[in-house]
Amino acid sequence: MLSLSILGSGSSGNSAVVRTENTRLLLDAGLSARQIVLRLEMLGLKPGDLDGILLTHEHGDHTQGLEILCRKHSLPIFVTPLTQESLLQSAFTKTKPQWRLMASGAAFEFRDLRIECFSVPHDAVDPVGFIIADEDSRLGVLSDVGYITNLIRERLRGAHTLFIEANYDAHMLEADTKRPWAIKQRISGRHGHLSNEQAAELVQSIAHDDLHHVMLGHLSDDCNDPDVAQKKISSALHQAGVREVNIHCARRREPTPWIEVARRTPAVALMDMLNAHPVEAEMGH
């Protein structure tokens, strides 16, 4: 069974971890290496437990801890060729990482996971989203994105859990006095970030009865509010006739508890109980 925890998500840094019984992957390394290690420890993991790092794109709030983490722990980095080239121009002056190149739009197998990266619109050299799946679960990951394409909808359709950006509330961004007009245009532009409304429209368009969790990430401190974002998603799901979905907002400064990507069927839950307590299960009447 595939599980997810968000180590931290926001404009200051983004990182998450996915795990199965056999595999543990970091998803982006936008916190400091020290914070990544501390937050992994809060989840009962060490950097040496990781099998690699998946990167969505090269921006600092997704890569700031990458070089030190890889220098100290020799972790392979799964990345597209253009993102690799960009990183080599700005980082890795003291280490030679283990690159594992991904082709955007293609899937590959890694241990007990099937991973597919797909192109998304953002102001990076080759930004991607992910579908991460095992035989029971399908996780959709959509980080920094300016607008929703048909390709995004196609790839995320059928996911049991969505980890998607909901960066800003349109009214709060418009009313914000700290950001100049040009920055607001960049945020809300076609290669910027997703609003609550855009995230809600996406969720509504691909909602289905087996959708288990929607995890919202990259919320702006100034131009969004977790309650507002969650209500937008909840309303969109209700309009789609899908109600049994857990909606969360990722935290900026601490990891979220582990969530299971897919609902456990009664048969799976029974097998887990038998595996965990074989003697008691056999003897109980």
C-alpha atoms as a PDB file:
ATOM      1  CA  MET A   1       0.000   0.000   0.000  1.00  0.00           C
ATOM      2  CA  LEU A   2       1.311   3.429  -1.011  1.00  0.00           C
ATOM      3  CA  SER A   3       1.445   6.199   1.632  1.00  0.00           C
ATOM      4  CA  LEU A   4       2.225   9.912   1.482  1.00  0.00           C
ATOM      5  CA  SER A   5       3.446  12.568   3.909  1.00  0.00           C
ATOM      6  CA  ILE A   6       4.174  16.199   3.090  1.00  0.00           C
ATOM      7  CA  LEU A   7       7.327  17.315   4.908  1.00  0.00           C
ATOM      8  CA  GLY A   8       6.555  20.964   4.190  1.00  0.00           C
ATOM      9  CA  SER A   9       4.881  22.999   1.467  1.00  0.00           C
ATOM     10  CA  GLY A  10       4.829  26.712   0.726  1.00  0.00           C
ATOM     11  CA  SER A  11       6.775  29.466  -1.012  1.00  0.00           C
ATOM     12  CA  SER A  12       9.699  28.907   1.367  1.00  0.00           C
ATOM     13  CA  GLY A  13      10.141  25.247   0.473  1.00  0.00           C
ATOM     14  CA  ASN A  14       8.447  22.070  -0.734  1.00  0.00           C
ATOM     15  CA  SER A  15       9.197  18.441  -0.042  1.00  0.00           C
ATOM     16  CA  ALA A  16       7.213  15.233   0.449  1.00  0.00           C
ATOM     17  CA  VAL A  17       7.879  11.529   0.852  1.00  0.00           C
ATOM     18  CA  VAL A  18       6.089   8.476  -0.499  1.00  0.00           C
ATOM     19  CA  ARG A  19       6.585   4.950   0.766  1.00  0.00           C
ATOM     20  CA  THR A  20       5.558   1.370   0.221  1.00  0.00           C
ATOM     21  CA  GLU A  21       6.804  -1.712   2.054  1.00  0.00           C
ATOM     22  CA  ASN A  22       9.814  -1.822  -0.291  1.00  0.00           C
ATOM     23  CA  THR A  23      10.401   1.755  -1.492  1.00  0.00           C
ATOM     24  CA  ARG A  24      10.820   5.249  -0.052  1.00  0.00           C
ATOM     25  CA  LEU A  25      11.179   8.249  -2.341  1.00  0.00           C
ATOM     26  CA  LEU A  26      11.584  11.926  -1.572  1.00  0.00           C
ATOM     27  CA  LEU A  27       9.461  14.145  -3.785  1.00  0.00           C
ATOM     28  CA  ASP A  28      11.360  17.414  -4.261  1.00  0.00           C
ATOM     29  CA  ALA A  29      13.965  18.733  -1.796  1.00  0.00           C
ATOM     30  CA  GLY A  30      12.975  22.366  -1.357  1.00  0.00           C
ATOM     31  CA  LEU A  31      13.586  22.535   2.389  1.00  0.00           C
ATOM     32  CA  SER A  32      17.081  22.814   3.811  1.00  0.00           C
ATOM     33  CA  ALA A  33      18.878  19.486   4.088  1.00  0.00           C
ATOM     34  CA  ARG A  34      18.800  19.839   7.871  1.00  0.00           C
ATOM     35  CA  GLN A  35      15.030  20.357   7.896  1.00  0.00           C
ATOM     36  CA  ILE A  36      14.467  17.439   5.558  1.00  0.00           C
ATOM     37  CA  VAL A  37      16.448  15.168   7.900  1.00  0.00           C
ATOM     38  CA  LEU A  38      14.631  16.457  11.005  1.00  0.00           C
ATOM     39  CA  ARG A  39      11.195  16.028   9.458  1.00  0.00           C
ATOM     40  CA  LEU A  40      12.000  12.577   8.134  1.00  0.00           C
ATOM     41  CA  GLU A  41      12.987  11.632  11.688  1.00  0.00           C
ATOM     42  CA  MET A  42       9.594  12.858  12.900  1.00  0.00           C
ATOM     43  CA  LEU A  43       8.080  10.269  10.555  1.00  0.00           C
ATOM     44  CA  GLY A  44      10.396   7.509  11.741  1.00  0.00           C
ATOM     45  CA  LEU A  45      12.708   7.668   8.722  1.00  0.00           C
ATOM     46  CA  LYS A  46      16.384   8.453   8.125  1.00  0.00           C
ATOM     47  CA  PRO A  47      17.931   9.781   4.886  1.00  0.00           C
ATOM     48  CA  GLY A  48      19.620   6.401   4.479  1.00  0.00           C
ATOM     49  CA  ASP A  49      16.160   4.823   4.243  1.00  0.00           C
ATOM     50  CA  LEU A  50      15.455   6.766   1.043  1.00  0.00           C
ATOM     51  CA  ASP A  51      15.878   5.099  -2.339  1.00  0.00           C
ATOM     52  CA  GLY A  52      15.962   8.294  -4.385  1.00  0.00           C
ATOM     53  CA  ILE A  53      14.563  11.764  -5.062  1.00  0.00           C
ATOM     54  CA  LEU A  54      11.960  12.715  -7.672  1.00  0.00           C
ATOM     55  CA  LEU A  55      12.159  16.317  -8.908  1.00  0.00           C
ATOM     56  CA  THR A  56       9.295  18.303 -10.415  1.00  0.00           C
ATOM     57  CA  HIS A  57      11.495  21.243 -11.526  1.00  0.00           C
ATOM     58  CA  GLU A  58      14.622  23.210 -10.705  1.00  0.00           C
ATOM     59  CA  HIS A  59      13.321  26.214  -8.734  1.00  0.00           C
ATOM     60  CA  GLY A  60      14.974  26.792  -5.362  1.00  0.00           C
ATOM     61  CA  ASP A  61      11.837  26.194  -3.291  1.00  0.00           C
ATOM     62  CA  HIS A  62      11.919  22.639  -4.674  1.00  0.00           C
ATOM     63  CA  THR A  63      15.688  22.019  -4.722  1.00  0.00           C
ATOM     64  CA  GLN A  64      17.445  24.101  -2.042  1.00  0.00           C
ATOM     65  CA  GLY A  65      18.401  21.068   0.081  1.00  0.00           C
ATOM     66  CA  LEU A  66      19.262  18.836  -2.856  1.00  0.00           C
ATOM     67  CA  GLU A  67      23.037  19.212  -3.170  1.00  0.00           C
ATOM     68  CA  ILE A  68      23.884  18.808   0.518  1.00  0.00           C
ATOM     69  CA  LEU A  69      21.456  15.932   0.921  1.00  0.00           C
ATOM     70  CA  CYS A  70      22.941  14.070  -2.045  1.00  0.00           C
ATOM     71  CA  ARG A  71      26.502  14.872  -1.013  1.00  0.00           C
ATOM     72  CA  LYS A  72      25.984  13.382   2.446  1.00  0.00           C
ATOM     73  CA  HIS A  73      23.764  10.459   1.535  1.00  0.00           C
ATOM     74  CA  SER A  74      24.511   9.600  -2.117  1.00  0.00           C
ATOM     75  CA  LEU A  75      20.904   9.472  -3.298  1.00  0.00           C
ATOM     76  CA  PRO A  76      19.945   9.041  -6.962  1.00  0.00           C
ATOM     77  CA  ILE A  77      18.017  11.949  -8.478  1.00  0.00           C
ATOM     78  CA  PHE A  78      15.210  11.267 -10.961  1.00  0.00           C
ATOM     79  CA  VAL A  79      15.037  14.269 -13.268  1.00  0.00           C
ATOM     80  CA  THR A  80      14.355  15.269 -16.869  1.00  0.00           C
ATOM     81  CA  PRO A  81      17.416  16.079 -19.030  1.00  0.00           C
ATOM     82  CA  LEU A  82      16.610  19.812 -19.266  1.00  0.00           C
ATOM     83  CA  THR A  83      16.139  20.124 -15.518  1.00  0.00           C
ATOM     84  CA  GLN A  84      19.416  18.267 -14.975  1.00  0.00           C
ATOM     85  CA  GLU A  85      21.188  20.708 -17.301  1.00  0.00           C
ATOM     86  CA  SER A  86      19.737  23.679 -15.428  1.00  0.00           C
ATOM     87  CA  LEU A  87      20.803  22.284 -12.057  1.00  0.00           C
ATOM     88  CA  LEU A  88      24.329  21.612 -13.267  1.00  0.00           C
ATOM     89  CA  GLN A  89      24.671  25.301 -14.139  1.00  0.00           C
ATOM     90  CA  SER A  90      23.677  26.493 -10.672  1.00  0.00           C
ATOM     91  CA  ALA A  91      24.542  23.748  -8.185  1.00  0.00           C
ATOM     92  CA  PHE A  92      26.567  20.577  -7.588  1.00  0.00           C
ATOM     93  CA  THR A  93      29.947  22.263  -7.550  1.00  0.00           C
ATOM     94  CA  LYS A  94      31.209  19.917  -4.827  1.00  0.00           C
ATOM     95  CA  THR A  95      29.497  16.646  -5.671  1.00  0.00           C
ATOM     96  CA  LYS A  96      28.579  14.456  -8.608  1.00  0.00           C
ATOM     97  CA  PRO A  97      25.068  13.164  -8.049  1.00  0.00           C
ATOM     98  CA  GLN A  98      23.665   9.902  -9.345  1.00  0.00           C
ATOM     99  CA  TRP A  99      21.402  11.148 -12.126  1.00  0.00           C
ATOM    100  CA  ARG A 100      18.496   8.993 -13.290  1.00  0.00           C
ATOM    101  CA  LEU A 101      17.068  10.674 -16.372  1.00  0.00           C
ATOM    102  CA  MET A 102      13.314  10.594 -17.013  1.00  0.00           C
ATOM    103  CA  ALA A 103      11.573  11.227 -20.324  1.00  0.00           C
ATOM    104  CA  SER A 104       8.601  13.537 -19.926  1.00  0.00           C
ATOM    105  CA  GLY A 105       5.443  11.717 -20.953  1.00  0.00           C
ATOM    106  CA  ALA A 106       6.943   8.277 -20.395  1.00  0.00           C
ATOM    107  CA  ALA A 107       6.576   5.822 -17.510  1.00  0.00           C
ATOM    108  CA  PHE A 108       9.269   3.770 -15.821  1.00  0.00           C
ATOM    109  CA  GLU A 109       9.397   1.050 -13.206  1.00  0.00           C
ATOM    110  CA  PHE A 110      11.315   1.530  -9.963  1.00  0.00           C
ATOM    111  CA  ARG A 111      11.193  -1.277  -7.423  1.00  0.00           C
ATOM    112  CA  ASP A 112       7.477  -1.841  -6.720  1.00  0.00           C
ATOM    113  CA  LEU A 113       6.373   1.486  -8.208  1.00  0.00           C
ATOM    114  CA  ARG A 114       5.360   2.641 -11.664  1.00  0.00           C
ATOM    115  CA  ILE A 115       6.165   6.333 -12.130  1.00  0.00           C
ATOM    116  CA  GLU A 116       5.067   8.573 -14.959  1.00  0.00           C
ATOM    117  CA  CYS A 117       6.054  12.218 -15.369  1.00  0.00           C
ATOM    118  CA  PHE A 118       4.063  14.567 -17.597  1.00  0.00           C
ATOM    119  CA  SER A 119       4.604  18.141 -18.766  1.00  0.00           C
ATOM    120  CA  VAL A 120       2.923  21.044 -16.983  1.00  0.00           C
ATOM    121  CA  PRO A 121       2.892  24.811 -17.720  1.00  0.00           C
ATOM    122  CA  HIS A 122       5.147  26.769 -15.352  1.00  0.00           C
ATOM    123  CA  ASP A 123       8.062  29.179 -15.748  1.00  0.00           C
ATOM    124  CA  ALA A 124      10.741  26.501 -15.356  1.00  0.00           C
ATOM    125  CA  VAL A 125      12.797  24.754 -18.066  1.00  0.00           C
ATOM    126  CA  ASP A 126      10.908  21.442 -18.067  1.00  0.00           C
ATOM    127  CA  PRO A 127       8.419  21.219 -15.182  1.00  0.00           C
ATOM    128  CA  VAL A 128       6.534  17.969 -14.655  1.00  0.00           C
ATOM    129  CA  GLY A 129       3.811  16.384 -12.576  1.00  0.00           C
ATOM    130  CA  PHE A 130       3.765  12.752 -11.521  1.00  0.00           C
ATOM    131  CA  ILE A 131       1.600   9.694 -11.347  1.00  0.00           C
ATOM    132  CA  ILE A 132       3.076   7.337  -8.746  1.00  0.00           C
ATOM    133  CA  ALA A 133       1.394   3.955  -8.522  1.00  0.00           C
ATOM    134  CA  ASP A 134       1.728   0.496  -7.060  1.00  0.00           C
ATOM    135  CA  GLU A 135      -0.601  -2.413  -7.761  1.00  0.00           C
ATOM    136  CA  ASP A 136      -3.272  -1.049  -5.386  1.00  0.00           C
ATOM    137  CA  SER A 137      -2.870   2.727  -5.333  1.00  0.00           C
ATOM    138  CA  ARG A 138      -2.553   5.680  -7.683  1.00  0.00           C
ATOM    139  CA  LEU A 139      -1.193   9.041  -6.485  1.00  0.00           C
ATOM    140  CA  GLY A 140      -1.400  12.180  -8.610  1.00  0.00           C
ATOM    141  CA  VAL A 141       1.140  14.953  -7.937  1.00  0.00           C
ATOM    142  CA  LEU A 142       0.697  18.425  -9.403  1.00  0.00           C
ATOM    143  CA  SER A 143       3.074  21.063  -8.101  1.00  0.00           C
ATOM    144  CA  ASP A 144       3.639  24.547  -9.542  1.00  0.00           C
ATOM    145  CA  VAL A 145       1.264  25.022 -12.484  1.00  0.00           C
ATOM    146  CA  GLY A 146      -0.119  28.072 -14.263  1.00  0.00           C
ATOM    147  CA  TYR A 147      -3.270  26.549 -15.749  1.00  0.00           C
ATOM    148  CA  ILE A 148      -4.895  23.160 -16.216  1.00  0.00           C
ATOM    149  CA  THR A 149      -4.313  21.444 -19.549  1.00  0.00           C
ATOM    150  CA  ASN A 150      -6.209  18.517 -21.031  1.00  0.00           C
ATOM    151  CA  LEU A 151      -3.058  16.441 -20.565  1.00  0.00           C
ATOM    152  CA  ILE A 152      -3.083  17.146 -16.831  1.00  0.00           C
ATOM    153  CA  ARG A 153      -6.722  16.064 -16.569  1.00  0.00           C
ATOM    154  CA  GLU A 154      -6.034  12.880 -18.499  1.00  0.00           C
ATOM    155  CA  ARG A 155      -3.060  11.900 -16.378  1.00  0.00           C
ATOM    156  CA  LEU A 156      -4.670  12.643 -13.012  1.00  0.00           C
ATOM    157  CA  ARG A 157      -7.961  10.965 -13.831  1.00  0.00           C
ATOM    158  CA  GLY A 158      -8.481   7.880 -11.686  1.00  0.00           C
ATOM    159  CA  ALA A 159      -6.044   8.887  -8.949  1.00  0.00           C
ATOM    160  CA  HIS A 160      -6.994   7.698  -5.460  1.00  0.00           C
ATOM    161  CA  THR A 161      -5.202  10.655  -3.850  1.00  0.00           C
ATOM    162  CA  LEU A 162      -4.331  14.044  -5.317  1.00  0.00           C
ATOM    163  CA  PHE A 163      -1.515  16.247  -4.027  1.00  0.00           C
ATOM    164  CA  ILE A 164      -2.102  19.480  -5.912  1.00  0.00           C
ATOM    165  CA  GLU A 165      -1.258  23.149  -5.695  1.00  0.00           C
ATOM    166  CA  ALA A 166      -3.775  25.693  -4.404  1.00  0.00           C
ATOM    167  CA  ASN A 167      -1.504  28.705  -4.142  1.00  0.00           C
ATOM    168  CA  TYR A 168      -3.801  31.694  -3.808  1.00  0.00           C
ATOM    169  CA  ASP A 169      -7.327  32.990  -3.482  1.00  0.00           C
ATOM    170  CA  ALA A 170      -8.029  35.313  -6.400  1.00  0.00           C
ATOM    171  CA  HIS A 171      -9.714  38.007  -4.280  1.00  0.00           C
ATOM    172  CA  MET A 172      -6.983  37.938  -1.622  1.00  0.00           C
ATOM    173  CA  LEU A 173      -4.265  38.212  -4.270  1.00  0.00           C
ATOM    174  CA  GLU A 174      -5.988  41.161  -5.917  1.00  0.00           C
ATOM    175  CA  ALA A 175      -6.351  42.942  -2.567  1.00  0.00           C
ATOM    176  CA  ASP A 176      -2.770  42.245  -1.443  1.00  0.00           C
ATOM    177  CA  THR A 177      -0.766  45.436  -0.927  1.00  0.00           C
ATOM    178  CA  LYS A 178       2.662  43.818  -0.478  1.00  0.00           C
ATOM    179  CA  ARG A 179       3.062  42.491  -4.018  1.00  0.00           C
ATOM    180  CA  PRO A 180       3.574  44.796  -7.006  1.00  0.00           C
ATOM    181  CA  TRP A 181       1.314  44.402 -10.012  1.00  0.00           C
ATOM    182  CA  ALA A 182       3.993  42.567 -12.050  1.00  0.00           C
ATOM    183  CA  ILE A 183       4.388  39.891  -9.367  1.00  0.00           C
ATOM    184  CA  LYS A 184       0.629  39.424  -9.157  1.00  0.00           C
ATOM    185  CA  GLN A 185       0.530  38.991 -12.930  1.00  0.00           C
ATOM    186  CA  ARG A 186       3.313  36.415 -12.780  1.00  0.00           C
ATOM    187  CA  ILE A 187       1.545  34.446 -10.009  1.00  0.00           C
ATOM    188  CA  SER A 188      -1.833  34.388 -11.763  1.00  0.00           C
ATOM    189  CA  GLY A 189      -0.421  34.034 -15.289  1.00  0.00           C
ATOM    190  CA  ARG A 190      -0.409  30.977 -17.531  1.00  0.00           C
ATOM    191  CA  HIS A 191       3.028  29.921 -16.293  1.00  0.00           C
ATOM    192  CA  GLY A 192       2.550  30.869 -12.644  1.00  0.00           C
ATOM    193  CA  HIS A 193       0.509  29.137  -9.967  1.00  0.00           C
ATOM    194  CA  LEU A 194      -2.939  27.638  -9.450  1.00  0.00           C
ATOM    195  CA  SER A 195      -5.664  29.496  -7.574  1.00  0.00           C
ATOM    196  CA  ASN A 196      -8.177  27.811  -5.265  1.00  0.00           C
ATOM    197  CA  GLU A 197     -10.739  28.181  -8.020  1.00  0.00           C
ATOM    198  CA  GLN A 198      -8.542  26.469 -10.618  1.00  0.00           C
ATOM    199  CA  ALA A 199      -7.689  23.641  -8.217  1.00  0.00           C
ATOM    200  CA  ALA A 200     -11.377  23.197  -7.402  1.00  0.00           C
ATOM    201  CA  GLU A 201     -12.327  23.098 -11.087  1.00  0.00           C
ATOM    202  CA  LEU A 202      -9.716  20.421 -11.707  1.00  0.00           C
ATOM    203  CA  VAL A 203     -10.849  18.307  -8.763  1.00  0.00           C
ATOM    204  CA  GLN A 204     -14.490  18.590  -9.805  1.00  0.00           C
ATOM    205  CA  SER A 205     -13.698  17.538 -13.381  1.00  0.00           C
ATOM    206  CA  ILE A 206     -11.868  14.347 -12.357  1.00  0.00           C
ATOM    207  CA  ALA A 207     -13.687  13.425  -9.119  1.00  0.00           C
ATOM    208  CA  HIS A 208     -14.807   9.810  -8.768  1.00  0.00           C
ATOM    209  CA  ASP A 209     -16.103   7.530  -6.030  1.00  0.00           C
ATOM    210  CA  ASP A 210     -12.687   6.009  -5.316  1.00  0.00           C
ATOM    211  CA  LEU A 211     -11.040   9.381  -4.690  1.00  0.00           C
ATOM    212  CA  HIS A 212      -9.791   9.109  -1.094  1.00  0.00           C
ATOM    213  CA  HIS A 213      -7.751  12.232  -0.282  1.00  0.00           C
ATOM    214  CA  VAL A 214      -7.141  15.679  -1.735  1.00  0.00           C
ATOM    215  CA  MET A 215      -3.997  17.246  -0.270  1.00  0.00           C
ATOM    216  CA  LEU A 216      -3.573  20.947  -1.073  1.00  0.00           C
ATOM    217  CA  GLY A 217      -0.056  22.368  -1.211  1.00  0.00           C
ATOM    218  CA  HIS A 218       1.945  25.548  -1.797  1.00  0.00           C
ATOM    219  CA  LEU A 219      -0.644  27.758  -0.039  1.00  0.00           C
ATOM    220  CA  SER A 220       0.413  31.393   0.154  1.00  0.00           C
ATOM    221  CA  ASP A 221       0.686  32.803   3.686  1.00  0.00           C
ATOM    222  CA  ASP A 222      -0.583  36.218   2.585  1.00  0.00           C
ATOM    223  CA  CYS A 223      -2.954  35.424  -0.269  1.00  0.00           C
ATOM    224  CA  ASN A 224      -4.703  32.279   0.846  1.00  0.00           C
ATOM    225  CA  ASP A 225      -6.376  30.715   3.858  1.00  0.00           C
ATOM    226  CA  PRO A 226      -6.591  26.949   4.531  1.00  0.00           C
ATOM    227  CA  ASP A 227     -10.289  27.136   5.471  1.00  0.00           C
ATOM    228  CA  VAL A 228     -11.122  29.054   2.294  1.00  0.00           C
ATOM    229  CA  ALA A 229      -9.163  26.598   0.136  1.00  0.00           C
ATOM    230  CA  GLN A 230     -10.724  23.533   1.752  1.00  0.00           C
ATOM    231  CA  LYS A 231     -14.241  24.935   1.388  1.00  0.00           C
ATOM    232  CA  LYS A 232     -13.643  25.559  -2.326  1.00  0.00           C
ATOM    233  CA  ILE A 233     -12.557  21.949  -2.857  1.00  0.00           C
ATOM    234  CA  SER A 234     -15.365  20.561  -0.695  1.00  0.00           C
ATOM    235  CA  SER A 235     -17.973  22.540  -2.632  1.00  0.00           C
ATOM    236  CA  ALA A 236     -16.542  21.341  -5.951  1.00  0.00           C
ATOM    237  CA  LEU A 237     -16.653  17.710  -4.807  1.00  0.00           C
ATOM    238  CA  HIS A 238     -20.237  18.054  -3.602  1.00  0.00           C
ATOM    239  CA  GLN A 239     -21.221  19.497  -6.973  1.00  0.00           C
ATOM    240  CA  ALA A 240     -19.630  16.431  -8.577  1.00  0.00           C
ATOM    241  CA  GLY A 241     -21.655  14.177  -6.281  1.00  0.00           C
ATOM    242  CA  VAL A 242     -18.555  12.866  -4.498  1.00  0.00           C
ATOM    243  CA  ARG A 243     -18.643  13.350  -0.735  1.00  0.00           C
ATOM    244  CA  GLU A 244     -16.456  10.786   1.042  1.00  0.00           C
ATOM    245  CA  VAL A 245     -13.154  12.553   0.380  1.00  0.00           C
ATOM    246  CA  ASN A 246     -10.699  13.738   3.011  1.00  0.00           C
ATOM    247  CA  ILE A 247      -9.436  17.251   2.250  1.00  0.00           C
ATOM    248  CA  HIS A 248      -6.172  18.430   3.829  1.00  0.00           C
ATOM    249  CA  CYS A 249      -3.878  21.430   3.592  1.00  0.00           C
ATOM    250  CA  ALA A 250      -0.162  20.681   3.761  1.00  0.00           C
ATOM    251  CA  ARG A 251       1.702  22.477   6.514  1.00  0.00           C
ATOM    252  CA  ARG A 252       4.621  24.794   5.966  1.00  0.00           C
ATOM    253  CA  ARG A 253       6.664  24.037   9.089  1.00  0.00           C
ATOM    254  CA  GLU A 254       5.927  20.426  10.040  1.00  0.00           C
ATOM    255  CA  PRO A 255       5.153  17.157   8.279  1.00  0.00           C
ATOM    256  CA  THR A 256       1.641  15.873   7.832  1.00  0.00           C
ATOM    257  CA  PRO A 257       0.756  12.475   9.287  1.00  0.00           C
ATOM    258  CA  TRP A 258       1.052   9.571   6.857  1.00  0.00           C
ATOM    259  CA  ILE A 259      -2.024   9.075   4.703  1.00  0.00           C
ATOM    260  CA  GLU A 260      -2.797   5.942   2.716  1.00  0.00           C
ATOM    261  CA  VAL A 261      -3.265   6.844  -0.926  1.00  0.00           C
ATOM    262  CA  ALA A 262      -6.109   4.386  -1.555  1.00  0.00           C
ATOM    263  CA  ARG A 263      -8.870   3.129   0.700  1.00  0.00           C
ATOM    264  CA  ARG A 264      -8.218  -0.292   2.114  1.00  0.00           C
ATOM    265  CA  THR A 265     -10.782  -2.790   0.905  1.00  0.00           C
ATOM    266  CA  PRO A 266     -12.158  -5.220   3.515  1.00  0.00           C
ATOM    267  CA  ALA A 267     -10.111  -8.010   1.929  1.00  0.00           C
ATOM    268  CA  VAL A 268      -6.881  -6.008   2.166  1.00  0.00           C
ATOM    269  CA  ALA A 269      -7.613  -4.989   5.756  1.00  0.00           C
ATOM    270  CA  LEU A 270      -8.268  -8.632   6.682  1.00  0.00           C
ATOM    271  CA  MET A 271      -5.019  -9.772   5.084  1.00  0.00           C
ATOM    272  CA  ASP A 272      -3.117  -7.071   6.973  1.00  0.00           C
ATOM    273  CA  MET A 273      -4.667  -8.252  10.226  1.00  0.00           C
ATOM    274  CA  LEU A 274      -3.769 -11.877   9.502  1.00  0.00           C
ATOM    275  CA  ASN A 275      -0.208 -10.933   8.569  1.00  0.00           C
ATOM    276  CA  ALA A 276       0.213  -8.809  11.685  1.00  0.00           C
ATOM    277  CA  HIS A 277      -1.358 -11.305  14.117  1.00  0.00           C
ATOM    278  CA  PRO A 278      -1.282 -14.764  12.548  1.00  0.00           C
ATOM    279  CA  VAL A 279      -1.447 -16.711  15.808  1.00  0.00           C
ATOM    280  CA  GLU A 280      -4.265 -14.713  17.359  1.00  0.00           C
ATOM    281  CA  ALA A 281      -6.235 -14.825  14.105  1.00  0.00           C
ATOM    282  CA  GLU A 282      -5.928 -18.599  13.871  1.00  0.00           C
ATOM    283  CA  MET A 283      -6.783 -19.235  17.507  1.00  0.00           C
ATOM    284  CA  GLY A 284      -9.559 -16.712  17.928  1.00  0.00           C
ATOM    285  CA  HIS A 285     -13.185 -17.981  17.819  1.00  0.00           C
END
